[in-house]
């Protein structure tokens, strides 16, 4: 019985670590998404300005 409890505790610990890792990955992806959106927005603005100056 005690062996099973210890195995479950280890599994819970492993799952907690996996959740923490997944949360970290999500934050990294969110940050990357914001950076990509900002870059895209700046390029769109740049192209709009070029179009305005050509007309």
PDB file of N, CA and C in Angstrom:
ATOM      1  N   UNK A   1       0.819  -1.204   0.000  1.00  0.00           N
ATOM      2  CA  UNK A   1       0.000   0.000   0.000  1.00  0.00           C
ATOM      3  C   UNK A   1       0.864   1.269   0.000  1.00  0.00           C
ATOM      4  N   UNK A   2       1.875   1.264   0.839  1.00  0.00           N
ATOM      5  CA  UNK A   2       2.750   2.433   0.924  1.00  0.00           C
ATOM      6  C   UNK A   2       3.513   2.640  -0.389  1.00  0.00           C
ATOM      7  N   UNK A   3       3.884   1.534  -1.018  1.00  0.00           N
ATOM      8  CA  UNK A   3       4.591   1.615  -2.296  1.00  0.00           C
ATOM      9  C   UNK A   3       3.712   2.298  -3.339  1.00  0.00           C
ATOM     10  N   UNK A   4       2.436   1.927  -3.374  1.00  0.00           N
ATOM     11  CA  UNK A   4       1.504   2.534  -4.330  1.00  0.00           C
ATOM     12  C   UNK A   4       1.332   4.023  -4.058  1.00  0.00           C
ATOM     13  N   UNK A   5       1.267   4.373  -2.783  1.00  0.00           N
ATOM     14  CA  UNK A   5       1.124   5.784  -2.413  1.00  0.00           C
ATOM     15  C   UNK A   5       2.342   6.580  -2.875  1.00  0.00           C
ATOM     16  N   UNK A   6       3.523   6.035  -2.663  1.00  0.00           N
ATOM     17  CA  UNK A   6       4.751   6.708  -3.086  1.00  0.00           C
ATOM     18  C   UNK A   6       4.815   6.843  -4.607  1.00  0.00           C
ATOM     19  N   UNK A   7       4.359   5.811  -5.310  1.00  0.00           N
ATOM     20  CA  UNK A   7       4.325   5.882  -6.773  1.00  0.00           C
ATOM     21  C   UNK A   7       3.357   6.968  -7.244  1.00  0.00           C
ATOM     22  N   UNK A   8       2.209   7.048  -6.586  1.00  0.00           N
ATOM     23  CA  UNK A   8       1.231   8.086  -6.934  1.00  0.00           C
ATOM     24  C   UNK A   8       1.773   9.486  -6.638  1.00  0.00           C
ATOM     25  N   UNK A   9       2.474   9.618  -5.507  1.00  0.00           N
ATOM     26  CA  UNK A   9       3.073  10.910  -5.169  1.00  0.00           C
ATOM     27  C   UNK A   9       4.095  11.319  -6.233  1.00  0.00           C
ATOM     28  N   UNK A  10       4.897  10.349  -6.678  1.00  0.00           N
ATOM     29  CA  UNK A  10       5.888  10.643  -7.716  1.00  0.00           C
ATOM     30  C   UNK A  10       5.192  11.035  -9.011  1.00  0.00           C
ATOM     31  N   UNK A  11       4.136  10.317  -9.355  1.00  0.00           N
ATOM     32  CA  UNK A  11       3.405  10.636 -10.574  1.00  0.00           C
ATOM     33  C   UNK A  11       2.781  12.031 -10.488  1.00  0.00           C
ATOM     34  N   UNK A  12       2.253  12.384  -9.331  1.00  0.00           N
ATOM     35  CA  UNK A  12       1.683  13.723  -9.140  1.00  0.00           C
ATOM     36  C   UNK A  12       2.764  14.777  -9.291  1.00  0.00           C
ATOM     37  N   UNK A  13       3.918  14.533  -8.715  1.00  0.00           N
ATOM     38  CA  UNK A  13       5.044  15.474  -8.833  1.00  0.00           C
ATOM     39  C   UNK A  13       5.459  15.634 -10.290  1.00  0.00           C
ATOM     40  N   UNK A  14       5.545  14.519 -11.001  1.00  0.00           N
ATOM     41  CA  UNK A  14       5.907  14.565 -12.423  1.00  0.00           C
ATOM     42  C   UNK A  14       4.872  15.356 -13.223  1.00  0.00           C
ATOM     43  N   UNK A  15       3.602  15.138 -12.922  1.00  0.00           N
ATOM     44  CA  UNK A  15       2.541  15.855 -13.632  1.00  0.00           C
ATOM     45  C   UNK A  15       2.591  17.352 -13.326  1.00  0.00           C
ATOM     46  N   UNK A  16       2.870  17.706 -12.082  1.00  0.00           N
ATOM     47  CA  UNK A  16       2.999  19.123 -11.717  1.00  0.00           C
ATOM     48  C   UNK A  16       4.128  19.768 -12.512  1.00  0.00           C
ATOM     49  N   UNK A  17       5.248  19.068 -12.620  1.00  0.00           N
ATOM     50  CA  UNK A  17       6.387  19.605 -13.372  1.00  0.00           C
ATOM     51  C   UNK A  17       6.030  19.761 -14.852  1.00  0.00           C
ATOM     52  N   UNK A  18       5.277  18.807 -15.370  1.00  0.00           N
ATOM     53  CA  UNK A  18       4.870  18.891 -16.764  1.00  0.00           C
ATOM     54  C   UNK A  18       3.933  20.079 -16.992  1.00  0.00           C
ATOM     55  N   UNK A  19       3.033  20.311 -16.049  1.00  0.00           N
ATOM     56  CA  UNK A  19       2.122  21.455 -16.151  1.00  0.00           C
ATOM     57  C   UNK A  19       2.911  22.766 -16.116  1.00  0.00           C
ATOM     58  N   UNK A  20       3.878  22.851 -15.230  1.00  0.00           N
ATOM     59  CA  UNK A  20       4.720  24.054 -15.151  1.00  0.00           C
ATOM     60  C   UNK A  20       5.447  24.271 -16.471  1.00  0.00           C
ATOM     61  N   UNK A  21       5.972  23.193 -17.031  1.00  0.00           N
ATOM     62  CA  UNK A  21       6.676  23.285 -18.310  1.00  0.00           C
ATOM     63  C   UNK A  21       5.733  23.749 -19.421  1.00  0.00           C
ATOM     64  N   UNK A  22       4.533  23.203 -19.442  1.00  0.00           N
ATOM     65  CA  UNK A  22       3.554  23.604 -20.459  1.00  0.00           C
ATOM     66  C   UNK A  22       3.163  25.075 -20.300  1.00  0.00           C
ATOM     67  N   UNK A  23       3.003  25.521 -19.073  1.00  0.00           N
ATOM     68  CA  UNK A  23       2.680  26.933 -18.823  1.00  0.00           C
ATOM     69  C   UNK A  23       3.802  27.831 -19.339  1.00  0.00           C
ATOM     70  N   UNK A  24       5.034  27.411 -19.107  1.00  0.00           N
ATOM     71  CA  UNK A  24       6.181  28.178 -19.591  1.00  0.00           C
ATOM     72  C   UNK A  24       6.174  28.238 -21.115  1.00  0.00           C
ATOM     73  N   UNK A  25       5.910  27.104 -21.746  1.00  0.00           N
ATOM     74  CA  UNK A  25       5.850  27.075 -23.210  1.00  0.00           C
ATOM     75  C   UNK A  25       4.755  27.990 -23.741  1.00  0.00           C
ATOM     76  N   UNK A  26       3.620  28.003 -23.078  1.00  0.00           N
ATOM     77  CA  UNK A  26       2.515  28.867 -23.498  1.00  0.00           C
ATOM     78  C   UNK A  26       2.927  30.330 -23.401  1.00  0.00           C
ATOM     79  N   UNK A  27       3.589  30.705 -22.320  1.00  0.00           N
ATOM     80  CA  UNK A  27       4.029  32.093 -22.159  1.00  0.00           C
ATOM     81  C   UNK A  27       5.029  32.484 -23.252  1.00  0.00           C
ATOM     82  N   UNK A  28       5.934  31.568 -23.578  1.00  0.00           N
ATOM     83  CA  UNK A  28       6.908  31.833 -24.646  1.00  0.00           C
ATOM     84  C   UNK A  28       6.181  32.022 -25.978  1.00  0.00           C
ATOM     85  N   UNK A  29       5.214  31.152 -26.249  1.00  0.00           N
ATOM     86  CA  UNK A  29       4.453  31.270 -27.500  1.00  0.00           C
ATOM     87  C   UNK A  29       3.643  32.562 -27.553  1.00  0.00           C
ATOM     88  N   UNK A  30       3.076  32.949 -26.427  1.00  0.00           N
ATOM     89  CA  UNK A  30       2.333  34.226 -26.380  1.00  0.00           C
ATOM     90  C   UNK A  30       3.267  35.388 -26.666  1.00  0.00           C
ATOM     91  N   UNK A  31       4.435  35.364 -26.054  1.00  0.00           N
ATOM     92  CA  UNK A  31       5.410  36.430 -26.289  1.00  0.00           C
ATOM     93  C   UNK A  31       5.832  36.487 -27.743  1.00  0.00           C
ATOM     94  N   UNK A  32       6.083  35.340 -28.319  1.00  0.00           N
ATOM     95  CA  UNK A  32       6.462  35.276 -29.730  1.00  0.00           C
ATOM     96  C   UNK A  32       5.339  35.790 -30.610  1.00  0.00           C
ATOM     97  N   UNK A  33       4.119  35.457 -30.263  1.00  0.00           N
ATOM     98  CA  UNK A  33       2.962  35.910 -31.022  1.00  0.00           C
ATOM     99  C   UNK A  33       2.864  37.432 -31.011  1.00  0.00           C
ATOM    100  N   UNK A  34       3.078  38.029 -29.852  1.00  0.00           N
ATOM    101  CA  UNK A  34       3.029  39.489 -29.740  1.00  0.00           C
ATOM    102  C   UNK A  34       4.132  40.117 -30.578  1.00  0.00           C
ATOM    103  N   UNK A  35       5.326  39.561 -30.504  1.00  0.00           N
ATOM    104  CA  UNK A  35       6.444  40.088 -31.292  1.00  0.00           C
ATOM    105  C   UNK A  35       6.129  39.990 -32.781  1.00  0.00           C
ATOM    106  N   UNK A  36       5.605  38.837 -33.210  1.00  0.00           N
ATOM    107  CA  UNK A  36       5.256  38.660 -34.618  1.00  0.00           C
ATOM    108  C   UNK A  36       4.167  39.635 -35.045  1.00  0.00           C
ATOM    109  N   UNK A  37       3.179  39.858 -34.197  1.00  0.00           N
ATOM    110  CA  UNK A  37       2.095  40.784 -34.526  1.00  0.00           C
ATOM    111  C   UNK A  37       2.631  42.209 -34.639  1.00  0.00           C
ATOM    112  N   UNK A  38       3.502  42.586 -33.723  1.00  0.00           N
ATOM    113  CA  UNK A  38       4.091  43.927 -33.775  1.00  0.00           C
ATOM    114  C   UNK A  38       4.911  44.107 -35.054  1.00  0.00           C
ATOM    115  N   UNK A  39       5.671  43.086 -35.415  1.00  0.00           N
ATOM    116  CA  UNK A  39       6.476  43.149 -36.634  1.00  0.00           C
ATOM    117  C   UNK A  39       5.563  43.280 -37.855  1.00  0.00           C
ATOM    118  N   UNK A  40       4.517  42.461 -37.888  1.00  0.00           N
ATOM    119  CA  UNK A  40       3.569  42.504 -39.007  1.00  0.00           C
ATOM    120  C   UNK A  40       2.911  43.874 -39.092  1.00  0.00           C
ATOM    121  N   UNK A  41       2.483  44.401 -37.957  1.00  0.00           N
ATOM    122  CA  UNK A  41       1.858  45.730 -37.941  1.00  0.00           C
ATOM    123  C   UNK A  41       2.807  46.798 -38.461  1.00  0.00           C
ATOM    124  N   UNK A  42       4.073  46.711 -38.054  1.00  0.00           N
ATOM    125  CA  UNK A  42       5.034  47.724 -38.505  1.00  0.00           C
ATOM    126  C   UNK A  42       5.271  47.620 -40.009  1.00  0.00           C
ATOM    127  N   UNK A  43       5.307  46.398 -40.532  1.00  0.00           N
ATOM    128  CA  UNK A  43       5.497  46.224 -41.978  1.00  0.00           C
ATOM    129  C   UNK A  43       4.281  46.724 -42.751  1.00  0.00           C
ATOM    130  N   UNK A  44       3.097  46.480 -42.230  1.00  0.00           N
ATOM    131  CA  UNK A  44       1.877  46.981 -42.881  1.00  0.00           C
ATOM    132  C   UNK A  44       1.896  48.501 -42.904  1.00  0.00           C
ATOM    133  N   UNK A  45       2.252  49.119 -41.793  1.00  0.00           N
ATOM    134  CA  UNK A  45       2.334  50.581 -41.728  1.00  0.00           C
ATOM    135  C   UNK A  45       3.365  51.105 -42.721  1.00  0.00           C
ATOM    136  N   UNK A  46       4.500  50.434 -42.788  1.00  0.00           N
ATOM    137  CA  UNK A  46       5.556  50.830 -43.725  1.00  0.00           C
ATOM    138  C   UNK A  46       5.051  50.758 -45.168  1.00  0.00           C
ATOM    139  N   UNK A  47       4.366  49.680 -45.513  1.00  0.00           N
ATOM    140  CA  UNK A  47       3.838  49.541 -46.876  1.00  0.00           C
ATOM    141  C   UNK A  47       2.746  50.567 -47.166  1.00  0.00           C
ATOM    142  N   UNK A  48       1.921  50.840 -46.175  1.00  0.00           N
ATOM    143  CA  UNK A  48       0.883  51.866 -46.353  1.00  0.00           C
ATOM    144  C   UNK A  48       1.512  53.229 -46.623  1.00  0.00           C
ATOM    145  N   UNK A  49       2.573  53.540 -45.905  1.00  0.00           N
ATOM    146  CA  UNK A  49       3.257  54.822 -46.102  1.00  0.00           C
ATOM    147  C   UNK A  49       3.871  54.893 -47.505  1.00  0.00           C
ATOM    148  N   UNK A  50       4.415  53.804 -47.970  1.00  0.00           N
ATOM    149  CA  UNK A  50       4.993  53.781 -49.310  1.00  0.00           C
ATOM    150  C   UNK A  50       3.894  53.991 -50.348  1.00  0.00           C
ATOM    151  N   UNK A  51       2.748  53.380 -50.136  1.00  0.00           N
ATOM    152  CA  UNK A  51       1.630  53.555 -51.082  1.00  0.00           C
ATOM    153  C   UNK A  51       1.129  54.995 -51.084  1.00  0.00           C
ATOM    154  N   UNK A  52       1.068  55.597 -49.894  1.00  0.00           N
ATOM    155  CA  UNK A  52       0.587  56.988 -49.791  1.00  0.00           C
ATOM    156  C   UNK A  52       1.546  57.920 -50.523  1.00  0.00           C
ATOM    157  N   UNK A  53       2.841  57.706 -50.386  1.00  0.00           N
ATOM    158  CA  UNK A  53       3.805  58.600 -51.033  1.00  0.00           C
ATOM    159  C   UNK A  53       3.847  58.403 -52.542  1.00  0.00           C
ATOM    160  N   UNK A  54       3.418  57.259 -53.011  1.00  0.00           N
ATOM    161  CA  UNK A  54       3.413  57.015 -54.458  1.00  0.00           C
ATOM    162  C   UNK A  54       2.183  57.611 -55.151  1.00  0.00           C
ATOM    163  N   UNK A  55       1.160  57.881 -54.402  1.00  0.00           N
ATOM    164  CA  UNK A  55      -0.064  58.398 -55.036  1.00  0.00           C
ATOM    165  C   UNK A  55      -0.140  59.902 -55.018  1.00  0.00           C
TER     166      UNK A  55
END
